[in-house]
Amino acid sequence: MRRSTYGREIIAVLCLKLFGLAALYYLFFSPAHQFAPTPQDVARHLVDNAKAATAGR
């Protein structure tokens, strides 16, 4: 009898964990939240990094 209780608890915890991971994916990593950089964004990023690298010298 005790063994089935542990099994149910483990299954419940695994289901909660799966639900939590699915919620995190949906809220933060789903394709709707992905950023599509434009060529202007890439160029700005590269120029800013180059300026920062030379300013520290």
Protein backbone atom coordinates (compact mmCIF):
# COMPACT_ATOMS: atom_id res chain seq x y z
CA MET A 1 0.00 0.00 0.00
CA ARG A 2 2.80 2.40 0.89
CA ARG A 3 4.58 1.76 -2.40
CA SER A 4 1.67 3.00 -4.53
CA THR A 5 1.54 6.23 -2.51
CA TYR A 6 5.18 6.97 -3.34
CA GLY A 7 4.52 6.21 -6.98
CA ARG A 8 1.61 8.62 -7.09
CA GLU A 9 3.65 11.34 -5.41
CA ILE A 10 6.52 10.88 -7.84
CA ILE A 11 4.17 10.98 -10.81
CA ALA A 12 2.49 14.12 -9.43
CA VAL A 13 5.85 15.87 -8.94
CA LEU A 14 7.00 14.90 -12.44
CA CYS A 15 3.76 16.20 -13.93
CA LEU A 16 4.16 19.50 -12.07
CA LYS A 17 7.74 19.77 -13.26
CA LEU A 18 6.70 19.08 -16.85
CA PHE A 19 3.95 21.70 -16.60
CA GLY A 20 6.42 24.22 -15.17
CA LEU A 21 8.96 23.60 -17.92
CA ALA A 22 6.27 23.92 -20.58
CA ALA A 23 5.12 27.20 -19.03
CA LEU A 24 8.69 28.57 -19.01
CA TYR A 25 9.14 27.60 -22.64
CA TYR A 26 5.86 29.21 -23.64
CA LEU A 27 6.56 32.41 -21.69
CA PHE A 28 10.20 32.97 -22.65
CA PHE A 29 11.45 30.73 -25.46
CA SER A 30 8.56 30.17 -27.85
CA PRO A 31 8.97 31.26 -31.48
CA ALA A 32 6.63 34.18 -30.85
CA HIS A 33 9.24 35.71 -28.51
CA GLN A 34 12.27 35.24 -30.74
CA PHE A 35 14.07 38.30 -32.02
CA ALA A 36 14.74 38.58 -35.76
CA PRO A 37 17.71 40.93 -36.17
CA THR A 38 17.82 43.24 -39.14
CA PRO A 39 21.06 44.03 -40.98
CA GLN A 40 21.01 47.47 -39.34
CA ASP A 41 20.82 45.89 -35.88
CA VAL A 42 23.77 43.62 -36.64
CA ALA A 43 25.85 46.49 -38.01
CA ARG A 44 25.05 48.66 -34.97
CA HIS A 45 26.04 45.86 -32.61
CA LEU A 46 29.35 45.26 -34.40
CA VAL A 47 30.22 48.97 -34.48
CA ASP A 48 29.33 49.42 -30.80
CA ASN A 49 31.52 46.44 -29.82
CA ALA A 50 34.42 47.79 -31.88
CA LYS A 51 34.09 51.22 -30.26
CA ALA A 52 33.97 49.68 -26.79
CA ALA A 53 37.06 47.57 -27.47
CA THR A 54 39.09 50.53 -28.70
CA ALA A 55 37.87 52.89 -25.96
CA GLY A 56 39.30 50.63 -23.25
CA ARG A 57 42.85 50.85 -24.61
